[in-house]
PDB file of all heavy atoms in Angstrom:
ATOM      1  N   LEU A   1      78.701 146.712   2.808  1.00  0.00           N
ATOM      2  CA  LEU A   1      79.664 147.806   2.989  1.00  0.00           C
ATOM      3  C   LEU A   1      80.639 147.893   1.835  1.00  0.00           C
ATOM      4  O   LEU A   1      81.139 148.972   1.534  1.00  0.00           O
ATOM      5  CB  LEU A   1      80.433 147.603   4.304  1.00  0.00           C
ATOM      6  CG  LEU A   1      79.574 147.620   5.575  1.00  0.00           C
ATOM      7  CD1 LEU A   1      80.414 147.309   6.786  1.00  0.00           C
ATOM      8  CD2 LEU A   1      78.870 148.947   5.733  1.00  0.00           C
ATOM      9  N   ILE A   2      80.942 146.776   1.206  1.00  0.00           N
ATOM     10  CA  ILE A   2      81.816 146.759   0.034  1.00  0.00           C
ATOM     11  C   ILE A   2      80.921 146.692  -1.194  1.00  0.00           C
ATOM     12  O   ILE A   2      80.154 145.733  -1.365  1.00  0.00           O
ATOM     13  CB  ILE A   2      82.790 145.561   0.064  1.00  0.00           C
ATOM     14  CG1 ILE A   2      83.730 145.666   1.275  1.00  0.00           C
ATOM     15  CG2 ILE A   2      83.593 145.473  -1.227  1.00  0.00           C
ATOM     16  CD1 ILE A   2      84.606 144.445   1.491  1.00  0.00           C
ATOM     17  N   HIS A   3      80.986 147.688  -2.029  1.00  0.00           N
ATOM     18  CA  HIS A   3      80.140 147.732  -3.217  1.00  0.00           C
ATOM     19  C   HIS A   3      80.571 146.670  -4.221  1.00  0.00           C
ATOM     20  O   HIS A   3      81.738 146.544  -4.554  1.00  0.00           O
ATOM     21  CB  HIS A   3      80.195 149.121  -3.864  1.00  0.00           C
ATOM     22  CG  HIS A   3      79.388 149.194  -5.118  1.00  0.00           C
ATOM     23  ND1 HIS A   3      78.019 149.213  -5.108  1.00  0.00           N
ATOM     24  CD2 HIS A   3      79.757 149.208  -6.422  1.00  0.00           C
ATOM     25  CE1 HIS A   3      77.580 149.258  -6.350  1.00  0.00           C
ATOM     26  NE2 HIS A   3      78.616 149.243  -7.173  1.00  0.00           N
ATOM     27  N   LYS A   4      79.585 145.915  -4.693  1.00  0.00           N
ATOM     28  CA  LYS A   4      79.833 144.878  -5.689  1.00  0.00           C
ATOM     29  C   LYS A   4      78.553 144.675  -6.470  1.00  0.00           C
ATOM     30  O   LYS A   4      77.471 144.610  -5.879  1.00  0.00           O
ATOM     31  CB  LYS A   4      80.266 143.587  -4.992  1.00  0.00           C
ATOM     32  CG  LYS A   4      80.838 142.566  -5.917  1.00  0.00           C
ATOM     33  CD  LYS A   4      81.774 141.645  -5.128  1.00  0.00           C
ATOM     34  CE  LYS A   4      82.426 140.616  -5.989  1.00  0.00           C
ATOM     35  NZ  LYS A   4      83.524 141.099  -6.750  1.00  0.00           N
ATOM     36  N   ASP A   5      78.653 144.578  -7.774  1.00  0.00           N
ATOM     37  CA  ASP A   5      77.473 144.389  -8.626  1.00  0.00           C
ATOM     38  C   ASP A   5      77.295 142.941  -9.061  1.00  0.00           C
ATOM     39  O   ASP A   5      76.291 142.606  -9.676  1.00  0.00           O
ATOM     40  CB  ASP A   5      77.573 145.268  -9.879  1.00  0.00           C
ATOM     41  CG  ASP A   5      77.478 146.742  -9.540  1.00  0.00           C
ATOM     42  OD1 ASP A   5      76.753 147.080  -8.603  1.00  0.00           O
ATOM     43  OD2 ASP A   5      78.135 147.541 -10.231  1.00  0.00           O
ATOM     44  N   THR A   6      78.252 142.085  -8.771  1.00  0.00           N
ATOM     45  CA  THR A   6      78.217 140.699  -9.234  1.00  0.00           C
ATOM     46  C   THR A   6      77.004 139.977  -8.690  1.00  0.00           C
ATOM     47  O   THR A   6      76.671 140.111  -7.518  1.00  0.00           O
ATOM     48  CB  THR A   6      79.490 139.968  -8.778  1.00  0.00           C
ATOM     49  OG1 THR A   6      80.631 140.681  -9.244  1.00  0.00           O
ATOM     50  CG2 THR A   6      79.524 138.546  -9.308  1.00  0.00           C
ATOM     51  N   GLN A   7      76.368 139.202  -9.534  1.00  0.00           N
ATOM     52  CA  GLN A   7      75.245 138.362  -9.110  1.00  0.00           C
ATOM     53  C   GLN A   7      75.730 136.916  -9.126  1.00  0.00           C
ATOM     54  O   GLN A   7      76.297 136.458 -10.111  1.00  0.00           O
ATOM     55  CB  GLN A   7      74.068 138.538 -10.075  1.00  0.00           C
ATOM     56  CG  GLN A   7      73.549 139.963 -10.152  1.00  0.00           C
ATOM     57  CD  GLN A   7      72.945 140.437  -8.846  1.00  0.00           C
ATOM     58  OE1 GLN A   7      72.058 139.791  -8.299  1.00  0.00           O
ATOM     59  NE2 GLN A   7      73.468 141.528  -8.320  1.00  0.00           N
ATOM     60  N   GLY A   8      75.504 136.229  -8.021  1.00  0.00           N
ATOM     61  CA  GLY A   8      75.931 134.828  -7.928  1.00  0.00           C
ATOM     62  C   GLY A   8      77.432 134.686  -7.786  1.00  0.00           C
ATOM     63  O   GLY A   8      78.148 135.621  -7.454  1.00  0.00           O
ATOM     64  N   LYS A   9      77.910 133.482  -7.996  1.00  0.00           N
ATOM     65  CA  LYS A   9      79.332 133.146  -7.925  1.00  0.00           C
ATOM     66  C   LYS A   9      79.956 133.541  -6.585  1.00  0.00           C
ATOM     67  O   LYS A   9      81.077 134.033  -6.522  1.00  0.00           O
ATOM     68  CB  LYS A   9      80.105 133.781  -9.082  1.00  0.00           C
ATOM     69  CG  LYS A   9      79.644 133.300 -10.421  1.00  0.00           C
ATOM     70  CD  LYS A   9      80.497 133.910 -11.511  1.00  0.00           C
ATOM     71  CE  LYS A   9      79.616 134.287 -12.677  1.00  0.00           C
ATOM     72  NZ  LYS A   9      79.983 135.463 -13.342  1.00  0.00           N
ATOM     73  N   SER A  10      79.209 133.310  -5.522  1.00  0.00           N
ATOM     74  CA  SER A  10      79.694 133.684  -4.185  1.00  0.00           C
ATOM     75  C   SER A  10      80.554 132.590  -3.559  1.00  0.00           C
ATOM     76  O   SER A  10      81.454 132.883  -2.782  1.00  0.00           O
ATOM     77  CB  SER A  10      78.500 133.956  -3.276  1.00  0.00           C
ATOM     78  OG  SER A  10      78.895 134.334  -1.995  1.00  0.00           O
ATOM     79  N   MET A  11      80.273 131.348  -3.930  1.00  0.00           N
ATOM     80  CA  MET A  11      80.897 130.218  -3.235  1.00  0.00           C
ATOM     81  C   MET A  11      81.706 129.385  -4.197  1.00  0.00           C
ATOM     82  O   MET A  11      81.163 128.966  -5.217  1.00  0.00           O
ATOM     83  CB  MET A  11      79.765 129.442  -2.605  1.00  0.00           C
ATOM     84  CG  MET A  11      80.029 128.031  -2.243  1.00  0.00           C
ATOM     85  SD  MET A  11      81.204 127.774  -0.997  1.00  0.00           S
ATOM     86  CE  MET A  11      80.693 126.118  -0.638  1.00  0.00           C
ATOM     87  N   PRO A  12      82.974 129.144  -3.914  1.00  0.00           N
ATOM     88  CA  PRO A  12      83.797 129.692  -2.847  1.00  0.00           C
ATOM     89  C   PRO A  12      84.360 131.078  -3.214  1.00  0.00           C
ATOM     90  O   PRO A  12      84.395 131.436  -4.392  1.00  0.00           O
ATOM     91  CB  PRO A  12      84.906 128.671  -2.692  1.00  0.00           C
ATOM     92  CG  PRO A  12      84.978 127.932  -3.987  1.00  0.00           C
ATOM     93  CD  PRO A  12      83.646 128.060  -4.638  1.00  0.00           C
ATOM     94  N   SER A  13      84.849 131.774  -2.228  1.00  0.00           N
ATOM     95  CA  SER A  13      85.447 133.088  -2.452  1.00  0.00           C
ATOM     96  C   SER A  13      86.750 132.929  -3.223  1.00  0.00           C
ATOM     97  O   SER A  13      87.689 132.293  -2.763  1.00  0.00           O
ATOM     98  CB  SER A  13      85.728 133.767  -1.118  1.00  0.00           C
ATOM     99  OG  SER A  13      86.528 134.923  -1.333  1.00  0.00           O
ATOM    100  N   ARG A  14      86.793 133.543  -4.401  1.00  0.00           N
ATOM    101  CA  ARG A  14      87.993 133.442  -5.216  1.00  0.00           C
ATOM    102  C   ARG A  14      89.096 134.350  -4.678  1.00  0.00           C
ATOM    103  O   ARG A  14      90.274 134.032  -4.818  1.00  0.00           O
ATOM    104  CB  ARG A  14      87.662 133.786  -6.677  1.00  0.00           C
ATOM    105  CG  ARG A  14      88.577 133.146  -7.646  1.00  0.00           C
ATOM    106  CD  ARG A  14      88.066 133.113  -9.033  1.00  0.00           C
ATOM    107  NE  ARG A  14      87.480 134.366  -9.453  1.00  0.00           N
ATOM    108  CZ  ARG A  14      86.858 134.534 -10.620  1.00  0.00           C
ATOM    109  NH1 ARG A  14      86.735 133.541 -11.453  1.00  0.00           N
ATOM    110  NH2 ARG A  14      86.341 135.684 -10.922  1.00  0.00           N
ATOM    111  N   HIS A  15      88.733 135.496  -4.086  1.00  0.00           N
ATOM    112  CA  HIS A  15      89.740 136.362  -3.485  1.00  0.00           C
ATOM    113  C   HIS A  15      90.486 135.596  -2.364  1.00  0.00           C
ATOM    114  O   HIS A  15      91.722 135.587  -2.339  1.00  0.00           O
ATOM    115  CB  HIS A  15      89.106 137.613  -2.873  1.00  0.00           C
ATOM    116  CG  HIS A  15      88.885 138.719  -3.827  1.00  0.00           C
ATOM    117  ND1 HIS A  15      87.792 138.787  -4.669  1.00  0.00           N
ATOM    118  CD2 HIS A  15      89.599 139.839  -4.077  1.00  0.00           C
ATOM    119  CE1 HIS A  15      87.837 139.876  -5.384  1.00  0.00           C
ATOM    120  NE2 HIS A  15      88.941 140.545  -5.046  1.00  0.00           N
ATOM    121  N   VAL A  16      89.722 135.014  -1.480  1.00  0.00           N
ATOM    122  CA  VAL A  16      90.323 134.309  -0.346  1.00  0.00           C
ATOM    123  C   VAL A  16      91.109 133.096  -0.827  1.00  0.00           C
ATOM    124  O   VAL A  16      92.230 132.846  -0.379  1.00  0.00           O
ATOM    125  CB  VAL A  16      89.244 133.942   0.715  1.00  0.00           C
ATOM    126  CG1 VAL A  16      89.825 133.066   1.811  1.00  0.00           C
ATOM    127  CG2 VAL A  16      88.627 135.219   1.286  1.00  0.00           C
ATOM    128  N   PHE A  17      90.519 132.327  -1.740  1.00  0.00           N
ATOM    129  CA  PHE A  17      91.249 131.194  -2.315  1.00  0.00           C
ATOM    130  C   PHE A  17      92.613 131.641  -2.860  1.00  0.00           C
ATOM    131  O   PHE A  17      93.626 131.016  -2.596  1.00  0.00           O
ATOM    132  CB  PHE A  17      90.431 130.557  -3.437  1.00  0.00           C
ATOM    133  CG  PHE A  17      91.279 129.733  -4.369  1.00  0.00           C
ATOM    134  CD1 PHE A  17      91.675 128.453  -4.024  1.00  0.00           C
ATOM    135  CD2 PHE A  17      91.743 130.252  -5.559  1.00  0.00           C
ATOM    136  CE1 PHE A  17      92.497 127.706  -4.854  1.00  0.00           C
ATOM    137  CE2 PHE A  17      92.548 129.523  -6.405  1.00  0.00           C
ATOM    138  CZ  PHE A  17      92.926 128.242  -6.049  1.00  0.00           C
ATOM    139  N   SER A  18      92.614 132.711  -3.645  1.00  0.00           N
ATOM    140  CA  SER A  18      93.829 133.181  -4.297  1.00  0.00           C
ATOM    141  C   SER A  18      94.916 133.528  -3.282  1.00  0.00           C
ATOM    142  O   SER A  18      96.075 133.149  -3.442  1.00  0.00           O
ATOM    143  CB  SER A  18      93.541 134.389  -5.181  1.00  0.00           C
ATOM    144  OG  SER A  18      92.669 134.038  -6.217  1.00  0.00           O
ATOM    145  N   VAL A  19      94.530 134.251  -2.236  1.00  0.00           N
ATOM    146  CA  VAL A  19      95.524 134.612  -1.214  1.00  0.00           C
ATOM    147  C   VAL A  19      96.080 133.354  -0.559  1.00  0.00           C
ATOM    148  O   VAL A  19      97.300 133.239  -0.347  1.00  0.00           O
ATOM    149  CB  VAL A  19      94.923 135.547  -0.157  1.00  0.00           C
ATOM    150  CG1 VAL A  19      95.906 135.822   0.960  1.00  0.00           C
ATOM    151  CG2 VAL A  19      94.483 136.857  -0.796  1.00  0.00           C
ATOM    152  N   PHE A  20      95.227 132.384  -0.278  1.00  0.00           N
ATOM    153  CA  PHE A  20      95.686 131.184   0.413  1.00  0.00           C
ATOM    154  C   PHE A  20      96.567 130.307  -0.484  1.00  0.00           C
ATOM    155  O   PHE A  20      97.563 129.760  -0.032  1.00  0.00           O
ATOM    156  CB  PHE A  20      94.531 130.392   1.022  1.00  0.00           C
ATOM    157  CG  PHE A  20      94.145 130.899   2.390  1.00  0.00           C
ATOM    158  CD1 PHE A  20      93.327 132.011   2.525  1.00  0.00           C
ATOM    159  CD2 PHE A  20      94.633 130.302   3.521  1.00  0.00           C
ATOM    160  CE1 PHE A  20      92.994 132.500   3.779  1.00  0.00           C
ATOM    161  CE2 PHE A  20      94.323 130.775   4.778  1.00  0.00           C
ATOM    162  CZ  PHE A  20      93.501 131.887   4.910  1.00  0.00           C
ATOM    163  N   VAL A  21      96.228 130.173  -1.755  1.00  0.00           N
ATOM    164  CA  VAL A  21      97.084 129.348  -2.631  1.00  0.00           C
ATOM    165  C   VAL A  21      98.414 130.081  -2.893  1.00  0.00           C
ATOM    166  O   VAL A  21      99.471 129.436  -2.966  1.00  0.00           O
ATOM    167  CB  VAL A  21      96.369 128.956  -3.936  1.00  0.00           C
ATOM    168  CG1 VAL A  21      96.301 130.066  -4.947  1.00  0.00           C
ATOM    169  CG2 VAL A  21      97.031 127.716  -4.555  1.00  0.00           C
ATOM    170  N   ILE A  22      98.410 131.414  -2.957  1.00  0.00           N
ATOM    171  CA  ILE A  22      99.660 132.170  -3.078  1.00  0.00           C
ATOM    172  C   ILE A  22     100.468 132.014  -1.791  1.00  0.00           C
ATOM    173  O   ILE A  22     101.698 131.838  -1.856  1.00  0.00           O
ATOM    174  CB  ILE A  22      99.376 133.652  -3.408  1.00  0.00           C
ATOM    175  CG1 ILE A  22      98.794 133.767  -4.828  1.00  0.00           C
ATOM    176  CG2 ILE A  22     100.630 134.508  -3.260  1.00  0.00           C
ATOM    177  CD1 ILE A  22      98.181 135.137  -5.144  1.00  0.00           C
ATOM    178  N   ALA A  23      99.812 132.044  -0.656  1.00  0.00           N
ATOM    179  CA  ALA A  23     100.513 131.851   0.620  1.00  0.00           C
ATOM    180  C   ALA A  23     101.155 130.473   0.682  1.00  0.00           C
ATOM    181  O   ALA A  23     102.301 130.326   1.147  1.00  0.00           O
ATOM    182  CB  ALA A  23      99.527 132.035   1.786  1.00  0.00           C
ATOM    183  N   MET A  24     100.471 129.465   0.194  1.00  0.00           N
ATOM    184  CA  MET A  24     101.038 128.130   0.175  1.00  0.00           C
ATOM    185  C   MET A  24     102.259 128.056  -0.737  1.00  0.00           C
ATOM    186  O   MET A  24     103.228 127.354  -0.441  1.00  0.00           O
ATOM    187  CB  MET A  24      99.982 127.095  -0.275  1.00  0.00           C
ATOM    188  CG  MET A  24      98.797 126.980   0.678  1.00  0.00           C
ATOM    189  SD  MET A  24      99.254 126.498   2.357  1.00  0.00           S
ATOM    190  CE  MET A  24      99.699 124.790   2.114  1.00  0.00           C
ATOM    191  N   THR A  25     102.239 128.802  -1.824  1.00  0.00           N
ATOM    192  CA  THR A  25     103.370 128.865  -2.721  1.00  0.00           C
ATOM    193  C   THR A  25     104.558 129.495  -2.012  1.00  0.00           C
ATOM    194  O   THR A  25     105.683 129.010  -2.074  1.00  0.00           O
ATOM    195  CB  THR A  25     103.020 129.649  -4.005  1.00  0.00           C
ATOM    196  OG1 THR A  25     101.831 129.089  -4.594  1.00  0.00           O
ATOM    197  CG2 THR A  25     104.141 129.616  -5.018  1.00  0.00           C
ATOM    198  N   TYR A  26     104.292 130.614  -1.319  1.00  0.00           N
ATOM    199  CA  TYR A  26     105.357 131.277  -0.556  1.00  0.00           C
ATOM    200  C   TYR A  26     105.857 130.389   0.586  1.00  0.00           C
ATOM    201  O   TYR A  26     107.060 130.412   0.888  1.00  0.00           O
ATOM    202  CB  TYR A  26     104.867 132.615   0.001  1.00  0.00           C
ATOM    203  CG  TYR A  26     105.240 133.778  -0.887  1.00  0.00           C
ATOM    204  CD1 TYR A  26     104.377 134.230  -1.871  1.00  0.00           C
ATOM    205  CD2 TYR A  26     106.447 134.435  -0.734  1.00  0.00           C
ATOM    206  CE1 TYR A  26     104.715 135.293  -2.685  1.00  0.00           C
ATOM    207  CE2 TYR A  26     106.796 135.515  -1.527  1.00  0.00           C
ATOM    208  CZ  TYR A  26     105.936 135.936  -2.513  1.00  0.00           C
ATOM    209  OH  TYR A  26     106.277 136.994  -3.305  1.00  0.00           O
ATOM    210  N   LEU A  27     104.979 129.635   1.223  1.00  0.00           N
ATOM    211  CA  LEU A  27     105.411 128.755   2.317  1.00  0.00           C
ATOM    212  C   LEU A  27     106.488 127.793   1.851  1.00  0.00           C
ATOM    213  O   LEU A  27     107.415 127.484   2.588  1.00  0.00           O
ATOM    214  CB  LEU A  27     104.230 127.946   2.864  1.00  0.00           C
ATOM    215  CG  LEU A  27     103.405 128.557   3.967  1.00  0.00           C
ATOM    216  CD1 LEU A  27     102.217 127.699   4.312  1.00  0.00           C
ATOM    217  CD2 LEU A  27     104.247 128.824   5.216  1.00  0.00           C
ATOM    218  N   TRP A  28     106.374 127.320   0.630  1.00  0.00           N
ATOM    219  CA  TRP A  28     107.343 126.388   0.091  1.00  0.00           C
ATOM    220  C   TRP A  28     108.688 127.062  -0.171  1.00  0.00           C
ATOM    221  O   TRP A  28     109.732 126.488   0.088  1.00  0.00           O
ATOM    222  CB  TRP A  28     106.803 125.780  -1.200  1.00  0.00           C
ATOM    223  CG  TRP A  28     107.709 124.748  -1.782  1.00  0.00           C
ATOM    224  CD1 TRP A  28     108.593 124.939  -2.791  1.00  0.00           C
ATOM    225  CD2 TRP A  28     107.855 123.410  -1.374  1.00  0.00           C
ATOM    226  NE1 TRP A  28     109.279 123.798  -3.039  1.00  0.00           N
ATOM    227  CE2 TRP A  28     108.846 122.827  -2.190  1.00  0.00           C
ATOM    228  CE3 TRP A  28     107.242 122.619  -0.405  1.00  0.00           C
ATOM    229  CZ2 TRP A  28     109.230 121.495  -2.062  1.00  0.00           C
ATOM    230  CZ3 TRP A  28     107.642 121.301  -0.293  1.00  0.00           C
ATOM    231  CH2 TRP A  28     108.613 120.766  -1.108  1.00  0.00           C
ATOM    232  N   VAL A  29     108.643 128.289  -0.680  1.00  0.00           N
ATOM    233  CA  VAL A  29     109.868 128.984  -1.099  1.00  0.00           C
ATOM    234  C   VAL A  29     110.435 129.866   0.009  1.00  0.00           C
ATOM    235  O   VAL A  29     111.654 129.936   0.213  1.00  0.00           O
ATOM    236  CB  VAL A  29     109.575 129.852  -2.356  1.00  0.00           C
ATOM    237  CG1 VAL A  29     110.801 130.639  -2.791  1.00  0.00           C
ATOM    238  CG2 VAL A  29     109.061 128.991  -3.490  1.00  0.00           C
ATOM    239  N   MET A  30     109.555 130.597   0.701  1.00  0.00           N
ATOM    240  CA  MET A  30     109.970 131.566   1.716  1.00  0.00           C
ATOM    241  C   MET A  30     108.975 131.469   2.875  1.00  0.00           C
ATOM    242  O   MET A  30     108.019 132.239   2.921  1.00  0.00           O
ATOM    243  CB  MET A  30     109.945 132.964   1.084  1.00  0.00           C
ATOM    244  CG  MET A  30     110.715 134.007   1.802  1.00  0.00           C
ATOM    245  SD  MET A  30     110.622 135.613   0.935  1.00  0.00           S
ATOM    246  CE  MET A  30     110.945 135.222  -0.764  1.00  0.00           C
ATOM    247  N   PRO A  31     109.183 130.514   3.790  1.00  0.00           N
ATOM    248  CA  PRO A  31     108.164 130.216   4.808  1.00  0.00           C
ATOM    249  C   PRO A  31     107.645 131.401   5.618  1.00  0.00           C
ATOM    250  O   PRO A  31     106.452 131.510   5.857  1.00  0.00           O
ATOM    251  CB  PRO A  31     108.857 129.203   5.714  1.00  0.00           C
ATOM    252  CG  PRO A  31     109.880 128.556   4.836  1.00  0.00           C
ATOM    253  CD  PRO A  31     110.336 129.636   3.873  1.00  0.00           C
ATOM    254  N   TRP A  32     108.515 132.309   6.026  1.00  0.00           N
ATOM    255  CA  TRP A  32     108.056 133.439   6.831  1.00  0.00           C
ATOM    256  C   TRP A  32     107.056 134.304   6.056  1.00  0.00           C
ATOM    257  O   TRP A  32     106.080 134.782   6.627  1.00  0.00           O
ATOM    258  CB  TRP A  32     109.224 134.271   7.354  1.00  0.00           C
ATOM    259  CG  TRP A  32     109.966 135.009   6.268  1.00  0.00           C
ATOM    260  CD1 TRP A  32     111.046 134.560   5.564  1.00  0.00           C
ATOM    261  CD2 TRP A  32     109.637 136.285   5.716  1.00  0.00           C
ATOM    262  NE1 TRP A  32     111.420 135.486   4.627  1.00  0.00           N
ATOM    263  CE2 TRP A  32     110.589 136.567   4.703  1.00  0.00           C
ATOM    264  CE3 TRP A  32     108.671 137.234   5.997  1.00  0.00           C
ATOM    265  CZ2 TRP A  32     110.560 137.745   3.952  1.00  0.00           C
ATOM    266  CZ3 TRP A  32     108.646 138.415   5.252  1.00  0.00           C
ATOM    267  CH2 TRP A  32     109.577 138.649   4.245  1.00  0.00           C
ATOM    268  N   ALA A  33     107.283 134.488   4.759  1.00  0.00           N
ATOM    269  CA  ALA A  33     106.373 135.281   3.939  1.00  0.00           C
ATOM    270  C   ALA A  33     105.052 134.537   3.761  1.00  0.00           C
ATOM    271  O   ALA A  33     103.983 135.151   3.720  1.00  0.00           O
ATOM    272  CB  ALA A  33     106.995 135.603   2.597  1.00  0.00           C
ATOM    273  N   GLY A  34     105.117 133.227   3.661  1.00  0.00           N
ATOM    274  CA  GLY A  34     103.905 132.421   3.564  1.00  0.00           C
ATOM    275  C   GLY A  34     103.020 132.554   4.785  1.00  0.00           C
ATOM    276  O   GLY A  34     101.806 132.674   4.679  1.00  0.00           O
TER     277      GLY A  34
END
């Protein structure tokens, strides 16, 4: 359903990783935003 031409590099998801590591950064500084 989401168009993507990339071949391979599926694991791990970098989009999801990025959101979670950014969330962890916010948890430290501004917990509610994290």
